[in-house]
Amino acid sequence: MRHGMVMTNSDSKVLDNVSLDDAILGVLARADAKTLSAPEIAHAIAAGDDWHDLLVPIRRSAVALAQAGRLVIYRKGKPADPNDFRGVYRLGLPRHD
């Protein structure tokens, strides 16, 4: 929800033939940083100034991807429960070490 309006999938203006999930994972795979914030991912995905509308869809996709074990949601530097986290968060790919 943003400014009292409910967002729909069509509001997110998600990329041509690539799903938002794939776009998020692609940005994380190319990132030099270990984790990225939702605004950093939105900037990388959206053209121009249209990135704000991607924040809620990114969060929804991040929760689903974290539940599937495809990414990790971090809160205050520690992995967070994808079903119960609030506030500022970062996303990263699962570590395999």
PDB file of N, CA and C in Angstrom:
ATOM      1  N   MET A   1       0.835  -1.175   0.000  1.00  0.00           N
ATOM      2  CA  MET A   1       0.000   0.000   0.000  1.00  0.00           C
ATOM      3  C   MET A   1       0.881   1.239   0.000  1.00  0.00           C
ATOM      4  N   ARG A   2       0.550   2.181  -0.833  1.00  0.00           N
ATOM      5  CA  ARG A   2       1.333   3.400  -0.888  1.00  0.00           C
ATOM      6  C   ARG A   2       0.388   4.572  -1.045  1.00  0.00           C
ATOM      7  N   HIS A   3       0.507   5.565  -0.187  1.00  0.00           N
ATOM      8  CA  HIS A   3      -0.338   6.742  -0.227  1.00  0.00           C
ATOM      9  C   HIS A   3      -1.817   6.372  -0.261  1.00  0.00           C
ATOM     10  N   GLY A   4      -2.203   5.358   0.523  1.00  0.00           N
ATOM     11  CA  GLY A   4      -3.592   4.974   0.634  1.00  0.00           C
ATOM     12  C   GLY A   4      -4.158   4.201  -0.541  1.00  0.00           C
ATOM     13  N   MET A   5      -3.315   3.821  -1.482  1.00  0.00           N
ATOM     14  CA  MET A   5      -3.795   3.090  -2.646  1.00  0.00           C
ATOM     15  C   MET A   5      -3.235   1.678  -2.636  1.00  0.00           C
ATOM     16  N   VAL A   6      -4.032   0.735  -3.033  1.00  0.00           N
ATOM     17  CA  VAL A   6      -3.587  -0.649  -3.115  1.00  0.00           C
ATOM     18  C   VAL A   6      -2.899  -0.857  -4.457  1.00  0.00           C
ATOM     19  N   MET A   7      -1.723  -1.454  -4.427  1.00  0.00           N
ATOM     20  CA  MET A   7      -0.984  -1.700  -5.664  1.00  0.00           C
ATOM     21  C   MET A   7      -1.385  -3.043  -6.256  1.00  0.00           C
ATOM     22  N   THR A   8      -1.410  -3.102  -7.555  1.00  0.00           N
ATOM     23  CA  THR A   8      -1.676  -4.356  -8.250  1.00  0.00           C
ATOM     24  C   THR A   8      -0.438  -4.736  -9.027  1.00  0.00           C
ATOM     25  N   ASN A   9      -0.418  -5.944  -9.569  1.00  0.00           N
ATOM     26  CA  ASN A   9       0.727  -6.380 -10.359  1.00  0.00           C
ATOM     27  C   ASN A   9       0.975  -5.481 -11.548  1.00  0.00           C
ATOM     28  N   SER A  10      -0.076  -4.947 -12.145  1.00  0.00           N
ATOM     29  CA  SER A  10       0.113  -4.090 -13.314  1.00  0.00           C
ATOM     30  C   SER A  10       0.722  -2.752 -12.927  1.00  0.00           C
ATOM     31  N   ASP A  11       0.561  -2.330 -11.657  1.00  0.00           N
ATOM     32  CA  ASP A  11       1.134  -1.067 -11.209  1.00  0.00           C
ATOM     33  C   ASP A  11       2.651  -1.121 -11.148  1.00  0.00           C
ATOM     34  N   SER A  12       3.207  -2.292 -11.004  1.00  0.00           N
ATOM     35  CA  SER A  12       4.641  -2.395 -10.777  1.00  0.00           C
ATOM     36  C   SER A  12       5.464  -2.208 -12.046  1.00  0.00           C
ATOM     37  N   LYS A  13       4.841  -2.217 -13.208  1.00  0.00           N
ATOM     38  CA  LYS A  13       5.553  -2.026 -14.472  1.00  0.00           C
ATOM     39  C   LYS A  13       6.775  -2.940 -14.554  1.00  0.00           C
ATOM     40  N   VAL A  14       6.559  -4.189 -14.239  1.00  0.00           N
ATOM     41  CA  VAL A  14       7.661  -5.148 -14.231  1.00  0.00           C
ATOM     42  C   VAL A  14       8.131  -5.395 -15.647  1.00  0.00           C
ATOM     43  N   LEU A  15       9.408  -5.565 -15.762  1.00  0.00           N
ATOM     44  CA  LEU A  15      10.161  -5.750 -16.991  1.00  0.00           C
ATOM     45  C   LEU A  15       9.458  -6.544 -18.070  1.00  0.00           C
ATOM     46  N   ASP A  16       9.964  -6.439 -19.243  1.00  0.00           N
ATOM     47  CA  ASP A  16       9.348  -7.026 -20.425  1.00  0.00           C
ATOM     48  C   ASP A  16       9.003  -8.503 -20.236  1.00  0.00           C
ATOM     49  N   ASN A  17       9.926  -9.391 -20.516  1.00  0.00           N
ATOM     50  CA  ASN A  17       9.634 -10.823 -20.444  1.00  0.00           C
ATOM     51  C   ASN A  17      10.303 -11.499 -19.254  1.00  0.00           C
ATOM     52  N   VAL A  18      10.766 -10.715 -18.306  1.00  0.00           N
ATOM     53  CA  VAL A  18      11.469 -11.264 -17.147  1.00  0.00           C
ATOM     54  C   VAL A  18      10.599 -11.030 -15.917  1.00  0.00           C
ATOM     55  N   SER A  19      10.441 -12.038 -15.093  1.00  0.00           N
ATOM     56  CA  SER A  19       9.632 -11.871 -13.892  1.00  0.00           C
ATOM     57  C   SER A  19      10.390 -11.029 -12.870  1.00  0.00           C
ATOM     58  N   LEU A  20       9.660 -10.454 -11.938  1.00  0.00           N
ATOM     59  CA  LEU A  20      10.282  -9.659 -10.886  1.00  0.00           C
ATOM     60  C   LEU A  20      11.216 -10.528 -10.055  1.00  0.00           C
ATOM     61  N   ASP A  21      10.820 -11.772  -9.774  1.00  0.00           N
ATOM     62  CA  ASP A  21      11.689 -12.685  -9.017  1.00  0.00           C
ATOM     63  C   ASP A  21      13.032 -12.850  -9.719  1.00  0.00           C
ATOM     64  N   ASP A  22      12.992 -13.116 -11.025  1.00  0.00           N
ATOM     65  CA  ASP A  22      14.232 -13.297 -11.784  1.00  0.00           C
ATOM     66  C   ASP A  22      15.051 -12.015 -11.821  1.00  0.00           C
ATOM     67  N   ALA A  23      14.379 -10.876 -11.918  1.00  0.00           N
ATOM     68  CA  ALA A  23      15.086  -9.599 -11.941  1.00  0.00           C
ATOM     69  C   ALA A  23      15.807  -9.345 -10.613  1.00  0.00           C
ATOM     70  N   ILE A  24      15.127  -9.621  -9.504  1.00  0.00           N
ATOM     71  CA  ILE A  24      15.741  -9.444  -8.185  1.00  0.00           C
ATOM     72  C   ILE A  24      16.961 -10.346  -8.044  1.00  0.00           C
ATOM     73  N   LEU A  25      16.801 -11.612  -8.388  1.00  0.00           N
ATOM     74  CA  LEU A  25      17.918 -12.555  -8.283  1.00  0.00           C
ATOM     75  C   LEU A  25      19.069 -12.152  -9.205  1.00  0.00           C
ATOM     76  N   GLY A  26      18.753 -11.649 -10.388  1.00  0.00           N
ATOM     77  CA  GLY A  26      19.788 -11.198 -11.318  1.00  0.00           C
ATOM     78  C   GLY A  26      20.571 -10.020 -10.779  1.00  0.00           C
ATOM     79  N   VAL A  27      19.876  -9.051 -10.192  1.00  0.00           N
ATOM     80  CA  VAL A  27      20.543  -7.884  -9.611  1.00  0.00           C
ATOM     81  C   VAL A  27      21.443  -8.331  -8.464  1.00  0.00           C
ATOM     82  N   LEU A  28      20.952  -9.218  -7.616  1.00  0.00           N
ATOM     83  CA  LEU A  28      21.764  -9.708  -6.497  1.00  0.00           C
ATOM     84  C   LEU A  28      22.982 -10.482  -6.984  1.00  0.00           C
ATOM     85  N   ALA A  29      22.824 -11.247  -8.052  1.00  0.00           N
ATOM     86  CA  ALA A  29      23.943 -12.034  -8.585  1.00  0.00           C
ATOM     87  C   ALA A  29      25.032 -11.127  -9.155  1.00  0.00           C
ATOM     88  N   ARG A  30      24.646  -9.993  -9.715  1.00  0.00           N
ATOM     89  CA  ARG A  30      25.614  -9.065 -10.307  1.00  0.00           C
ATOM     90  C   ARG A  30      26.191  -8.070  -9.310  1.00  0.00           C
ATOM     91  N   ALA A  31      25.631  -8.007  -8.116  1.00  0.00           N
ATOM     92  CA  ALA A  31      26.032  -7.002  -7.131  1.00  0.00           C
ATOM     93  C   ALA A  31      27.401  -7.300  -6.541  1.00  0.00           C
ATOM     94  N   ASP A  32      28.199  -6.260  -6.431  1.00  0.00           N
ATOM     95  CA  ASP A  32      29.485  -6.404  -5.758  1.00  0.00           C
ATOM     96  C   ASP A  32      29.284  -6.539  -4.249  1.00  0.00           C
ATOM     97  N   ALA A  33      28.249  -5.875  -3.740  1.00  0.00           N
ATOM     98  CA  ALA A  33      27.949  -5.936  -2.310  1.00  0.00           C
ATOM     99  C   ALA A  33      27.342  -7.300  -1.990  1.00  0.00           C
ATOM    100  N   LYS A  34      27.453  -7.691  -0.761  1.00  0.00           N
ATOM    101  CA  LYS A  34      26.862  -8.968  -0.372  1.00  0.00           C
ATOM    102  C   LYS A  34      25.349  -8.865  -0.253  1.00  0.00           C
ATOM    103  N   THR A  35      24.851  -7.703   0.158  1.00  0.00           N
ATOM    104  CA  THR A  35      23.402  -7.490   0.271  1.00  0.00           C
ATOM    105  C   THR A  35      23.041  -6.158  -0.362  1.00  0.00           C
ATOM    106  N   LEU A  36      21.772  -6.026  -0.738  1.00  0.00           N
ATOM    107  CA  LEU A  36      21.257  -4.787  -1.303  1.00  0.00           C
ATOM    108  C   LEU A  36      19.924  -4.455  -0.644  1.00  0.00           C
ATOM    109  N   SER A  37      19.626  -3.175  -0.538  1.00  0.00           N
ATOM    110  CA  SER A  37      18.330  -2.748  -0.019  1.00  0.00           C
ATOM    111  C   SER A  37      17.293  -2.819  -1.134  1.00  0.00           C
ATOM    112  N   ALA A  38      16.026  -2.785  -0.759  1.00  0.00           N
ATOM    113  CA  ALA A  38      14.953  -2.794  -1.760  1.00  0.00           C
ATOM    114  C   ALA A  38      15.056  -1.590  -2.696  1.00  0.00           C
ATOM    115  N   PRO A  39      15.338  -0.366  -2.202  1.00  0.00           N
ATOM    116  CA  PRO A  39      15.498   0.754  -3.126  1.00  0.00           C
ATOM    117  C   PRO A  39      16.665   0.572  -4.099  1.00  0.00           C
ATOM    118  N   GLU A  40      17.757  -0.024  -3.640  1.00  0.00           N
ATOM    119  CA  GLU A  40      18.889  -0.278  -4.545  1.00  0.00           C
ATOM    120  C   GLU A  40      18.488  -1.253  -5.648  1.00  0.00           C
ATOM    121  N   ILE A  41      17.727  -2.267  -5.304  1.00  0.00           N
ATOM    122  CA  ILE A  41      17.266  -3.238  -6.299  1.00  0.00           C
ATOM    123  C   ILE A  41      16.271  -2.576  -7.251  1.00  0.00           C
ATOM    124  N   ALA A  42      15.356  -1.771  -6.706  1.00  0.00           N
ATOM    125  CA  ALA A  42      14.371  -1.078  -7.538  1.00  0.00           C
ATOM    126  C   ALA A  42      15.056  -0.154  -8.542  1.00  0.00           C
ATOM    127  N   HIS A  43      16.089   0.578  -8.101  1.00  0.00           N
ATOM    128  CA  HIS A  43      16.849   1.453  -9.009  1.00  0.00           C
ATOM    129  C   HIS A  43      17.464   0.644 -10.145  1.00  0.00           C
ATOM    130  N   ALA A  44      17.966  -0.525  -9.834  1.00  0.00           N
ATOM    131  CA  ALA A  44      18.620  -1.356 -10.848  1.00  0.00           C
ATOM    132  C   ALA A  44      17.618  -1.933 -11.848  1.00  0.00           C
ATOM    133  N   ILE A  45      16.381  -2.125 -11.415  1.00  0.00           N
ATOM    134  CA  ILE A  45      15.367  -2.748 -12.263  1.00  0.00           C
ATOM    135  C   ILE A  45      14.606  -1.718 -13.089  1.00  0.00           C
ATOM    136  N   ALA A  46      14.213  -0.616 -12.466  1.00  0.00           N
ATOM    137  CA  ALA A  46      13.311   0.352 -13.098  1.00  0.00           C
ATOM    138  C   ALA A  46      14.062   1.347 -13.969  1.00  0.00           C
ATOM    139  N   ALA A  47      13.376   1.789 -14.989  1.00  0.00           N
ATOM    140  CA  ALA A  47      13.922   2.830 -15.853  1.00  0.00           C
ATOM    141  C   ALA A  47      13.518   4.191 -15.300  1.00  0.00           C
ATOM    142  N   GLY A  48      14.462   5.084 -15.172  1.00  0.00           N
ATOM    143  CA  GLY A  48      14.158   6.440 -14.732  1.00  0.00           C
ATOM    144  C   GLY A  48      13.729   6.521 -13.286  1.00  0.00           C
ATOM    145  N   ASP A  49      12.714   7.345 -13.066  1.00  0.00           N
ATOM    146  CA  ASP A  49      12.240   7.592 -11.706  1.00  0.00           C
ATOM    147  C   ASP A  49      11.054   6.726 -11.304  1.00  0.00           C
ATOM    148  N   ASP A  50      10.785   5.657 -12.025  1.00  0.00           N
ATOM    149  CA  ASP A  50       9.639   4.806 -11.745  1.00  0.00           C
ATOM    150  C   ASP A  50       9.915   3.729 -10.699  1.00  0.00           C
ATOM    151  N   TRP A  51      10.989   3.838  -9.961  1.00  0.00           N
ATOM    152  CA  TRP A  51      11.380   2.769  -9.048  1.00  0.00           C
ATOM    153  C   TRP A  51      10.542   2.696  -7.779  1.00  0.00           C
ATOM    154  N   HIS A  52       9.932   3.788  -7.343  1.00  0.00           N
ATOM    155  CA  HIS A  52       9.177   3.776  -6.084  1.00  0.00           C
ATOM    156  C   HIS A  52       8.035   2.761  -6.087  1.00  0.00           C
ATOM    157  N   ASP A  53       7.395   2.600  -7.230  1.00  0.00           N
ATOM    158  CA  ASP A  53       6.264   1.667  -7.311  1.00  0.00           C
ATOM    159  C   ASP A  53       6.688   0.206  -7.227  1.00  0.00           C
ATOM    160  N   LEU A  54       7.977  -0.053  -7.282  1.00  0.00           N
ATOM    161  CA  LEU A  54       8.466  -1.436  -7.192  1.00  0.00           C
ATOM    162  C   LEU A  54       8.735  -1.882  -5.759  1.00  0.00           C
ATOM    163  N   LEU A  55       8.749  -0.976  -4.796  1.00  0.00           N
ATOM    164  CA  LEU A  55       9.149  -1.345  -3.437  1.00  0.00           C
ATOM    165  C   LEU A  55       8.236  -2.392  -2.807  1.00  0.00           C
ATOM    166  N   VAL A  56       6.933  -2.228  -2.907  1.00  0.00           N
ATOM    167  CA  VAL A  56       6.010  -3.214  -2.323  1.00  0.00           C
ATOM    168  C   VAL A  56       6.085  -4.543  -3.078  1.00  0.00           C
ATOM    169  N   PRO A  57       6.062  -4.533  -4.420  1.00  0.00           N
ATOM    170  CA  PRO A  57       6.207  -5.821  -5.129  1.00  0.00           C
ATOM    171  C   PRO A  57       7.543  -6.506  -4.844  1.00  0.00           C
ATOM    172  N   ILE A  58       8.616  -5.738  -4.669  1.00  0.00           N
ATOM    173  CA  ILE A  58       9.915  -6.340  -4.333  1.00  0.00           C
ATOM    174  C   ILE A  58       9.830  -7.029  -2.980  1.00  0.00           C
ATOM    175  N   ARG A  59       9.199  -6.385  -2.022  1.00  0.00           N
ATOM    176  CA  ARG A  59       9.060  -6.998  -0.695  1.00  0.00           C
ATOM    177  C   ARG A  59       8.262  -8.305  -0.787  1.00  0.00           C
ATOM    178  N   ARG A  60       7.172  -8.286  -1.535  1.00  0.00           N
ATOM    179  CA  ARG A  60       6.357  -9.507  -1.690  1.00  0.00           C
ATOM    180  C   ARG A  60       7.162 -10.625  -2.351  1.00  0.00           C
ATOM    181  N   SER A  61       7.878 -10.285  -3.403  1.00  0.00           N
ATOM    182  CA  SER A  61       8.701 -11.290  -4.092  1.00  0.00           C
ATOM    183  C   SER A  61       9.808 -11.794  -3.183  1.00  0.00           C
ATOM    184  N   ALA A  62      10.405 -10.879  -2.417  1.00  0.00           N
ATOM    185  CA  ALA A  62      11.491 -11.267  -1.509  1.00  0.00           C
ATOM    186  C   ALA A  62      10.998 -12.273  -0.474  1.00  0.00           C
ATOM    187  N   VAL A  63       9.811 -12.059   0.052  1.00  0.00           N
ATOM    188  CA  VAL A  63       9.248 -12.996   1.035  1.00  0.00           C
ATOM    189  C   VAL A  63       9.067 -14.364   0.396  1.00  0.00           C
ATOM    190  N   ALA A  64       8.477 -14.398  -0.794  1.00  0.00           N
ATOM    191  CA  ALA A  64       8.261 -15.682  -1.473  1.00  0.00           C
ATOM    192  C   ALA A  64       9.596 -16.356  -1.803  1.00  0.00           C
ATOM    193  N   LEU A  65      10.566 -15.587  -2.280  1.00  0.00           N
ATOM    194  CA  LEU A  65      11.882 -16.161  -2.618  1.00  0.00           C
ATOM    195  C   LEU A  65      12.599 -16.658  -1.361  1.00  0.00           C
ATOM    196  N   ALA A  66      12.460 -15.943  -0.260  1.00  0.00           N
ATOM    197  CA  ALA A  66      13.089 -16.377   0.995  1.00  0.00           C
ATOM    198  C   ALA A  66      12.428 -17.647   1.507  1.00  0.00           C
ATOM    199  N   GLN A  67      11.116 -17.730   1.395  1.00  0.00           N
ATOM    200  CA  GLN A  67      10.417 -18.946   1.824  1.00  0.00           C
ATOM    201  C   GLN A  67      10.848 -20.146   0.989  1.00  0.00           C
ATOM    202  N   ALA A  68      11.217 -19.894  -0.265  1.00  0.00           N
ATOM    203  CA  ALA A  68      11.669 -20.974  -1.155  1.00  0.00           C
ATOM    204  C   ALA A  68      13.171 -21.234  -1.013  1.00  0.00           C
ATOM    205  N   GLY A  69      13.859 -20.456  -0.177  1.00  0.00           N
ATOM    206  CA  GLY A  69      15.288 -20.650   0.032  1.00  0.00           C
ATOM    207  C   GLY A  69      16.176 -20.069  -1.064  1.00  0.00           C
ATOM    208  N   ARG A  70      15.627 -19.186  -1.897  1.00  0.00           N
ATOM    209  CA  ARG A  70      16.394 -18.637  -3.020  1.00  0.00           C
ATOM    210  C   ARG A  70      17.095 -17.333  -2.681  1.00  0.00           C
ATOM    211  N   LEU A  71      16.695 -16.663  -1.602  1.00  0.00           N
ATOM    212  CA  LEU A  71      17.407 -15.486  -1.108  1.00  0.00           C
ATOM    213  C   LEU A  71      17.206 -15.392   0.386  1.00  0.00           C
ATOM    214  N   VAL A  72      17.954 -14.486   1.016  1.00  0.00           N
ATOM    215  CA  VAL A  72      17.883 -14.301   2.460  1.00  0.00           C
ATOM    216  C   VAL A  72      17.510 -12.851   2.727  1.00  0.00           C
ATOM    217  N   ILE A  73      16.577 -12.654   3.647  1.00  0.00           N
ATOM    218  CA  ILE A  73      16.208 -11.315   4.087  1.00  0.00           C
ATOM    219  C   ILE A  73      16.993 -11.038   5.363  1.00  0.00           C
ATOM    220  N   TYR A  74      17.704  -9.912   5.371  1.00  0.00           N
ATOM    221  CA  TYR A  74      18.513  -9.538   6.530  1.00  0.00           C
ATOM    222  C   TYR A  74      17.911  -8.330   7.225  1.00  0.00           C
ATOM    223  N   ARG A  75      17.913  -8.383   8.527  1.00  0.00           N
ATOM    224  CA  ARG A  75      17.458  -7.263   9.348  1.00  0.00           C
ATOM    225  C   ARG A  75      18.528  -7.038  10.395  1.00  0.00           C
ATOM    226  N   LYS A  76      19.093  -5.836  10.434  1.00  0.00           N
ATOM    227  CA  LYS A  76      20.183  -5.503  11.366  1.00  0.00           C
ATOM    228  C   LYS A  76      21.343  -6.481  11.227  1.00  0.00           C
ATOM    229  N   GLY A  77      21.624  -6.882   9.980  1.00  0.00           N
ATOM    230  CA  GLY A  77      22.771  -7.732   9.695  1.00  0.00           C
ATOM    231  C   GLY A  77      22.574  -9.210   9.948  1.00  0.00           C
ATOM    232  N   LYS A  78      21.396  -9.598  10.397  1.00  0.00           N
ATOM    233  CA  LYS A  78      21.134 -11.007  10.704  1.00  0.00           C
ATOM    234  C   LYS A  78      19.961 -11.507   9.866  1.00  0.00           C
ATOM    235  N   PRO A  79      19.981 -12.793   9.497  1.00  0.00           N
ATOM    236  CA  PRO A  79      18.846 -13.337   8.743  1.00  0.00           C
ATOM    237  C   PRO A  79      17.543 -13.153   9.521  1.00  0.00           C
ATOM    238  N   ALA A  80      16.514 -12.726   8.814  1.00  0.00           N
ATOM    239  CA  ALA A  80      15.209 -12.484   9.432  1.00  0.00           C
ATOM    240  C   ALA A  80      14.219 -13.543   8.968  1.00  0.00           C
ATOM    241  N   ASP A  81      13.210 -13.757   9.773  1.00  0.00           N
ATOM    242  CA  ASP A  81      12.120 -14.663   9.418  1.00  0.00           C
ATOM    243  C   ASP A  81      11.303 -13.990   8.317  1.00  0.00           C
ATOM    244  N   PRO A  82      11.214 -14.589   7.122  1.00  0.00           N
ATOM    245  CA  PRO A  82      10.477 -13.940   6.036  1.00  0.00           C
ATOM    246  C   PRO A  82       8.987 -13.754   6.334  1.00  0.00           C
ATOM    247  N   ASN A  83       8.477 -14.493   7.298  1.00  0.00           N
ATOM    248  CA  ASN A  83       7.064 -14.377   7.651  1.00  0.00           C
ATOM    249  C   ASN A  83       6.809 -13.325   8.720  1.00  0.00           C
ATOM    250  N   ASP A  84       7.884 -12.778   9.323  1.00  0.00           N
ATOM    251  CA  ASP A  84       7.699 -11.860  10.442  1.00  0.00           C
ATOM    252  C   ASP A  84       8.895 -10.922  10.568  1.00  0.00           C
ATOM    253  N   PHE A  85       8.967  -9.908   9.707  1.00  0.00           N
ATOM    254  CA  PHE A  85      10.011  -8.893   9.844  1.00  0.00           C
ATOM    255  C   PHE A  85       9.416  -7.538   9.523  1.00  0.00           C
ATOM    256  N   ARG A  86       9.988  -6.515  10.134  1.00  0.00           N
ATOM    257  CA  ARG A  86       9.496  -5.156   9.941  1.00  0.00           C
ATOM    258  C   ARG A  86      10.668  -4.220   9.718  1.00  0.00           C
ATOM    259  N   GLY A  87      10.358  -3.064   9.184  1.00  0.00           N
ATOM    260  CA  GLY A  87      11.357  -2.016   9.070  1.00  0.00           C
ATOM    261  C   GLY A  87      12.321  -2.203   7.915  1.00  0.00           C
ATOM    262  N   VAL A  88      13.495  -1.630   8.093  1.00  0.00           N
ATOM    263  CA  VAL A  88      14.526  -1.638   7.065  1.00  0.00           C
ATOM    264  C   VAL A  88      15.105  -3.044   6.935  1.00  0.00           C
ATOM    265  N   TYR A  89      15.250  -3.491   5.705  1.00  0.00           N
ATOM    266  CA  TYR A  89      15.786  -4.824   5.457  1.00  0.00           C
ATOM    267  C   TYR A  89      16.680  -4.789   4.231  1.00  0.00           C
ATOM    268  N   ARG A  90      17.510  -5.811   4.117  1.00  0.00           N
ATOM    269  CA  ARG A  90      18.387  -5.976   2.957  1.00  0.00           C
ATOM    270  C   ARG A  90      18.198  -7.386   2.438  1.00  0.00           C
ATOM    271  N   LEU A  91      18.552  -7.573   1.177  1.00  0.00           N
ATOM    272  CA  LEU A  91      18.398  -8.883   0.559  1.00  0.00           C
ATOM    273  C   LEU A  91      19.751  -9.387   0.066  1.00  0.00           C
ATOM    274  N   GLY A  92      19.950 -10.679   0.166  1.00  0.00           N
ATOM    275  CA  GLY A  92      21.182 -11.287  -0.321  1.00  0.00           C
ATOM    276  C   GLY A  92      20.923 -12.704  -0.776  1.00  0.00           C
ATOM    277  N   LEU A  93      21.830 -13.209  -1.583  1.00  0.00           N
ATOM    278  CA  LEU A  93      21.723 -14.590  -2.010  1.00  0.00           C
ATOM    279  C   LEU A  93      22.171 -15.498  -0.880  1.00  0.00           C
ATOM    280  N   PRO A  94      21.639 -16.712  -0.812  1.00  0.00           N
ATOM    281  CA  PRO A  94      22.070 -17.644   0.230  1.00  0.00           C
ATOM    282  C   PRO A  94      23.563 -17.929   0.117  1.00  0.00           C
ATOM    283  N   ARG A  95      24.212 -18.016   1.241  1.00  0.00           N
ATOM    284  CA  ARG A  95      25.648 -18.320   1.252  1.00  0.00           C
ATOM    285  C   ARG A  95      25.823 -19.835   1.285  1.00  0.00           C
ATOM    286  N   HIS A  96      26.783 -20.290   0.519  1.00  0.00           N
ATOM    287  CA  HIS A  96      27.061 -21.738   0.465  1.00  0.00           C
ATOM    288  C   HIS A  96      28.487 -22.003   0.927  1.00  0.00           C
ATOM    289  N   ASP A  97      28.760 -21.703   2.201  1.00  0.00           N
ATOM    290  CA  ASP A  97      30.113 -21.959   2.715  1.00  0.00           C
ATOM    291  C   ASP A  97      30.114 -22.871   3.892  1.00  0.00           C
TER     292      ASP A  97
END
